[in-house]
Amino acid sequence: MTLLLVFLTMKMRFLLALVFTLFAFTGLKAQERGKVEIIKDARIDTLIARRQSLQAKNPGAASLNGFRIQIYNGNLRSAAYAAQAKFQEQYANIRTYLTYNEPDFKVKVGDFRTKLEAEKFRQQLQSMFSGLFIIAEKINPPR
């Protein structure tokens, strides 16, 4: 007797779930094509036009793939600044880049388009610095 009640309740649950599922599917409609309206600030078009005009004037403004020479790598900030200053005394017209990636400071110099250019300059720097490395990374275009 109790098995019959359990069976009937399971059957009723199944039927109720089936009925709800059928109602849910009949309520769905196919997606209809319509219009999409884009609302945006007018200043966005102005900024896009300005960026395009700047890129047209200076096509080399984007960063390039190239090479830099790493002249210092260590965890002392004062030593990194000293290496940067020592380099800038001799080569004031060449850019230097000091970065900090915990726990190390790195000082890199130059924006060389080819590895050969970087290697020639690295040989000049060997008397001033030890442990020089040529690093491939994004560089800034020449001034």
C-alpha atoms as a PDB file:
ATOM      1  CA  MET A   1       0.000   0.000   0.000  1.00  0.00           C
ATOM      2  CA  THR A   2       2.744   2.437   0.915  1.00  0.00           C
ATOM      3  CA  LEU A   3       4.667   1.507  -2.254  1.00  0.00           C
ATOM      4  CA  LEU A   4       1.592   2.367  -4.287  1.00  0.00           C
ATOM      5  CA  LEU A   5       1.433   5.841  -2.678  1.00  0.00           C
ATOM      6  CA  VAL A   6       5.150   6.436  -3.290  1.00  0.00           C
ATOM      7  CA  PHE A   7       4.774   5.317  -6.900  1.00  0.00           C
ATOM      8  CA  LEU A   8       1.782   7.601  -7.446  1.00  0.00           C
ATOM      9  CA  THR A   9       3.562  10.603  -5.965  1.00  0.00           C
ATOM     10  CA  MET A  10       6.619   9.950  -8.152  1.00  0.00           C
ATOM     11  CA  LYS A  11       4.334   9.619 -11.171  1.00  0.00           C
ATOM     12  CA  MET A  12       2.558  12.836 -10.227  1.00  0.00           C
ATOM     13  CA  ARG A  13       5.856  14.665  -9.805  1.00  0.00           C
ATOM     14  CA  PHE A  14       6.960  13.526 -13.236  1.00  0.00           C
ATOM     15  CA  LEU A  15       3.659  14.619 -14.802  1.00  0.00           C
ATOM     16  CA  LEU A  16       3.834  18.026 -13.119  1.00  0.00           C
ATOM     17  CA  ALA A  17       7.403  18.534 -14.326  1.00  0.00           C
ATOM     18  CA  LEU A  18       6.344  17.530 -17.843  1.00  0.00           C
ATOM     19  CA  VAL A  19       3.406  19.947 -17.811  1.00  0.00           C
ATOM     20  CA  PHE A  20       5.555  22.858 -16.582  1.00  0.00           C
ATOM     21  CA  THR A  21       8.178  22.101 -19.234  1.00  0.00           C
ATOM     22  CA  LEU A  22       5.573  22.105 -21.987  1.00  0.00           C
ATOM     23  CA  PHE A  23       4.173  25.444 -20.803  1.00  0.00           C
ATOM     24  CA  ALA A  24       7.653  26.901 -20.690  1.00  0.00           C
ATOM     25  CA  PHE A  25       8.462  25.835 -24.256  1.00  0.00           C
ATOM     26  CA  THR A  26       5.182  27.120 -25.643  1.00  0.00           C
ATOM     27  CA  GLY A  27       5.874  30.488 -24.051  1.00  0.00           C
ATOM     28  CA  LEU A  28       9.158  30.883 -25.945  1.00  0.00           C
ATOM     29  CA  LYS A  29       9.115  32.689 -29.256  1.00  0.00           C
ATOM     30  CA  ALA A  30      11.672  32.771 -32.012  1.00  0.00           C
ATOM     31  CA  GLN A  31      13.923  35.788 -31.996  1.00  0.00           C
ATOM     32  CA  GLU A  32      12.687  38.488 -34.255  1.00  0.00           C
ATOM     33  CA  ARG A  33      14.866  40.819 -36.257  1.00  0.00           C
ATOM     34  CA  GLY A  34      14.696  44.385 -35.144  1.00  0.00           C
ATOM     35  CA  LYS A  35      16.595  47.618 -34.935  1.00  0.00           C
ATOM     36  CA  VAL A  36      19.510  48.316 -32.626  1.00  0.00           C
ATOM     37  CA  GLU A  37      19.929  51.870 -31.486  1.00  0.00           C
ATOM     38  CA  ILE A  38      23.395  52.921 -30.332  1.00  0.00           C
ATOM     39  CA  ILE A  39      23.498  55.832 -27.962  1.00  0.00           C
ATOM     40  CA  LYS A  40      26.950  57.347 -27.484  1.00  0.00           C
ATOM     41  CA  ASP A  41      28.568  60.592 -26.561  1.00  0.00           C
ATOM     42  CA  ALA A  42      29.513  62.793 -29.539  1.00  0.00           C
ATOM     43  CA  ARG A  43      32.972  63.314 -28.038  1.00  0.00           C
ATOM     44  CA  ILE A  44      33.850  59.680 -28.855  1.00  0.00           C
ATOM     45  CA  ASP A  45      33.735  60.457 -32.587  1.00  0.00           C
ATOM     46  CA  THR A  46      35.914  63.507 -31.975  1.00  0.00           C
ATOM     47  CA  LEU A  47      38.499  61.422 -30.112  1.00  0.00           C
ATOM     48  CA  ILE A  48      38.549  58.762 -32.827  1.00  0.00           C
ATOM     49  CA  ALA A  49      39.085  61.391 -35.526  1.00  0.00           C
ATOM     50  CA  ARG A  50      41.829  63.051 -33.485  1.00  0.00           C
ATOM     51  CA  ARG A  51      43.649  59.750 -32.960  1.00  0.00           C
ATOM     52  CA  GLN A  52      43.487  58.957 -36.676  1.00  0.00           C
ATOM     53  CA  SER A  53      44.885  62.377 -37.576  1.00  0.00           C
ATOM     54  CA  LEU A  54      47.737  61.996 -35.069  1.00  0.00           C
ATOM     55  CA  GLN A  55      48.596  58.565 -36.451  1.00  0.00           C
ATOM     56  CA  ALA A  56      48.576  59.953 -39.990  1.00  0.00           C
ATOM     57  CA  LYS A  57      50.974  62.756 -38.995  1.00  0.00           C
ATOM     58  CA  ASN A  58      53.366  60.475 -37.101  1.00  0.00           C
ATOM     59  CA  PRO A  59      53.089  56.873 -38.348  1.00  0.00           C
ATOM     60  CA  GLY A  60      56.114  55.734 -36.300  1.00  0.00           C
ATOM     61  CA  ALA A  61      54.600  56.820 -32.982  1.00  0.00           C
ATOM     62  CA  ALA A  62      53.565  53.300 -32.044  1.00  0.00           C
ATOM     63  CA  SER A  63      56.038  51.152 -30.162  1.00  0.00           C
ATOM     64  CA  LEU A  64      58.246  48.867 -32.200  1.00  0.00           C
ATOM     65  CA  ASN A  65      59.934  45.563 -31.586  1.00  0.00           C
ATOM     66  CA  GLY A  66      63.595  46.097 -30.885  1.00  0.00           C
ATOM     67  CA  PHE A  67      66.375  45.727 -28.357  1.00  0.00           C
ATOM     68  CA  ARG A  68      67.730  47.411 -25.240  1.00  0.00           C
ATOM     69  CA  ILE A  69      70.886  46.845 -23.234  1.00  0.00           C
ATOM     70  CA  GLN A  70      70.477  46.013 -19.570  1.00  0.00           C
ATOM     71  CA  ILE A  71      73.273  47.673 -17.587  1.00  0.00           C
ATOM     72  CA  TYR A  72      72.060  46.924 -14.051  1.00  0.00           C
ATOM     73  CA  ASN A  73      70.016  44.214 -12.360  1.00  0.00           C
ATOM     74  CA  GLY A  74      69.883  44.071  -8.582  1.00  0.00           C
ATOM     75  CA  ASN A  75      67.893  44.799  -5.460  1.00  0.00           C
ATOM     76  CA  LEU A  76      69.554  48.096  -4.467  1.00  0.00           C
ATOM     77  CA  ARG A  77      67.732  51.214  -5.551  1.00  0.00           C
ATOM     78  CA  SER A  78      70.741  53.436  -4.921  1.00  0.00           C
ATOM     79  CA  ALA A  79      72.945  51.235  -7.126  1.00  0.00           C
ATOM     80  CA  ALA A  80      70.333  51.354  -9.902  1.00  0.00           C
ATOM     81  CA  TYR A  81      70.202  55.162  -9.761  1.00  0.00           C
ATOM     82  CA  ALA A  82      74.013  55.291  -9.683  1.00  0.00           C
ATOM     83  CA  ALA A  83      74.264  53.105 -12.798  1.00  0.00           C
ATOM     84  CA  GLN A  84      71.692  55.255 -14.549  1.00  0.00           C
ATOM     85  CA  ALA A  85      73.531  58.478 -13.624  1.00  0.00           C
ATOM     86  CA  LYS A  86      76.902  57.030 -14.658  1.00  0.00           C
ATOM     87  CA  PHE A  87      75.480  56.119 -18.059  1.00  0.00           C
ATOM     88  CA  GLN A  88      73.790  59.499 -18.558  1.00  0.00           C
ATOM     89  CA  GLU A  89      77.048  61.337 -17.834  1.00  0.00           C
ATOM     90  CA  GLN A  90      78.645  59.716 -20.866  1.00  0.00           C
ATOM     91  CA  TYR A  91      75.613  59.352 -23.133  1.00  0.00           C
ATOM     92  CA  ALA A  92      73.148  62.149 -22.392  1.00  0.00           C
ATOM     93  CA  ASN A  93      71.314  61.767 -25.718  1.00  0.00           C
ATOM     94  CA  ILE A  94      70.400  58.078 -25.212  1.00  0.00           C
ATOM     95  CA  ARG A  95      67.279  57.214 -23.208  1.00  0.00           C
ATOM     96  CA  THR A  96      67.467  55.165 -20.031  1.00  0.00           C
ATOM     97  CA  TYR A  97      64.698  53.078 -18.490  1.00  0.00           C
ATOM     98  CA  LEU A  98      64.583  52.122 -14.814  1.00  0.00           C
ATOM     99  CA  THR A  99      62.034  49.475 -13.840  1.00  0.00           C
ATOM    100  CA  TYR A 100      61.219  47.749 -10.577  1.00  0.00           C
ATOM    101  CA  ASN A 101      59.877  44.212 -10.560  1.00  0.00           C
ATOM    102  CA  GLU A 102      59.971  43.025  -6.972  1.00  0.00           C
ATOM    103  CA  PRO A 103      62.631  42.484  -5.672  1.00  0.00           C
ATOM    104  CA  ASP A 104      64.867  43.695  -8.522  1.00  0.00           C
ATOM    105  CA  PHE A 105      65.625  47.032 -10.112  1.00  0.00           C
ATOM    106  CA  LYS A 106      66.642  46.973 -13.761  1.00  0.00           C
ATOM    107  CA  VAL A 107      68.259  49.724 -15.772  1.00  0.00           C
ATOM    108  CA  LYS A 108      68.042  49.395 -19.543  1.00  0.00           C
ATOM    109  CA  VAL A 109      69.392  51.792 -22.126  1.00  0.00           C
ATOM    110  CA  GLY A 110      68.790  52.562 -25.758  1.00  0.00           C
ATOM    111  CA  ASP A 111      66.168  51.879 -28.384  1.00  0.00           C
ATOM    112  CA  PHE A 112      67.888  49.725 -30.987  1.00  0.00           C
ATOM    113  CA  ARG A 113      65.999  48.413 -33.992  1.00  0.00           C
ATOM    114  CA  THR A 114      68.420  45.573 -34.705  1.00  0.00           C
ATOM    115  CA  LYS A 115      70.411  43.257 -32.498  1.00  0.00           C
ATOM    116  CA  LEU A 116      73.560  44.198 -34.420  1.00  0.00           C
ATOM    117  CA  GLU A 117      73.185  47.870 -33.395  1.00  0.00           C
ATOM    118  CA  ALA A 118      72.700  46.811 -29.784  1.00  0.00           C
ATOM    119  CA  GLU A 119      75.713  44.491 -29.886  1.00  0.00           C
ATOM    120  CA  LYS A 120      77.982  47.262 -31.236  1.00  0.00           C
ATOM    121  CA  PHE A 121      76.876  49.607 -28.455  1.00  0.00           C
ATOM    122  CA  ARG A 122      77.195  46.864 -25.820  1.00  0.00           C
ATOM    123  CA  GLN A 123      80.863  46.460 -26.778  1.00  0.00           C
ATOM    124  CA  GLN A 124      81.387  50.192 -26.174  1.00  0.00           C
ATOM    125  CA  LEU A 125      79.827  49.872 -22.708  1.00  0.00           C
ATOM    126  CA  GLN A 126      81.846  46.826 -21.578  1.00  0.00           C
ATOM    127  CA  SER A 127      84.550  48.988 -20.043  1.00  0.00           C
ATOM    128  CA  MET A 128      82.004  50.939 -17.966  1.00  0.00           C
ATOM    129  CA  PHE A 129      79.646  48.137 -16.811  1.00  0.00           C
ATOM    130  CA  SER A 130      79.861  44.427 -16.161  1.00  0.00           C
ATOM    131  CA  GLY A 131      77.185  41.851 -16.856  1.00  0.00           C
ATOM    132  CA  LEU A 132      75.590  43.549 -19.852  1.00  0.00           C
ATOM    133  CA  PHE A 133      72.686  41.815 -21.572  1.00  0.00           C
ATOM    134  CA  ILE A 134      70.800  42.553 -24.763  1.00  0.00           C
ATOM    135  CA  ILE A 135      67.059  42.336 -24.123  1.00  0.00           C
ATOM    136  CA  ALA A 136      64.411  42.040 -26.860  1.00  0.00           C
ATOM    137  CA  GLU A 137      61.373  44.180 -26.049  1.00  0.00           C
ATOM    138  CA  LYS A 138      59.114  46.950 -27.288  1.00  0.00           C
ATOM    139  CA  ILE A 139      61.063  50.131 -27.914  1.00  0.00           C
ATOM    140  CA  ASN A 140      60.180  53.752 -28.498  1.00  0.00           C
ATOM    141  CA  PRO A 141      60.694  55.140 -31.981  1.00  0.00           C
ATOM    142  CA  PRO A 142      63.660  57.484 -32.496  1.00  0.00           C
ATOM    143  CA  ARG A 143      63.101  61.135 -31.660  1.00  0.00           C
END
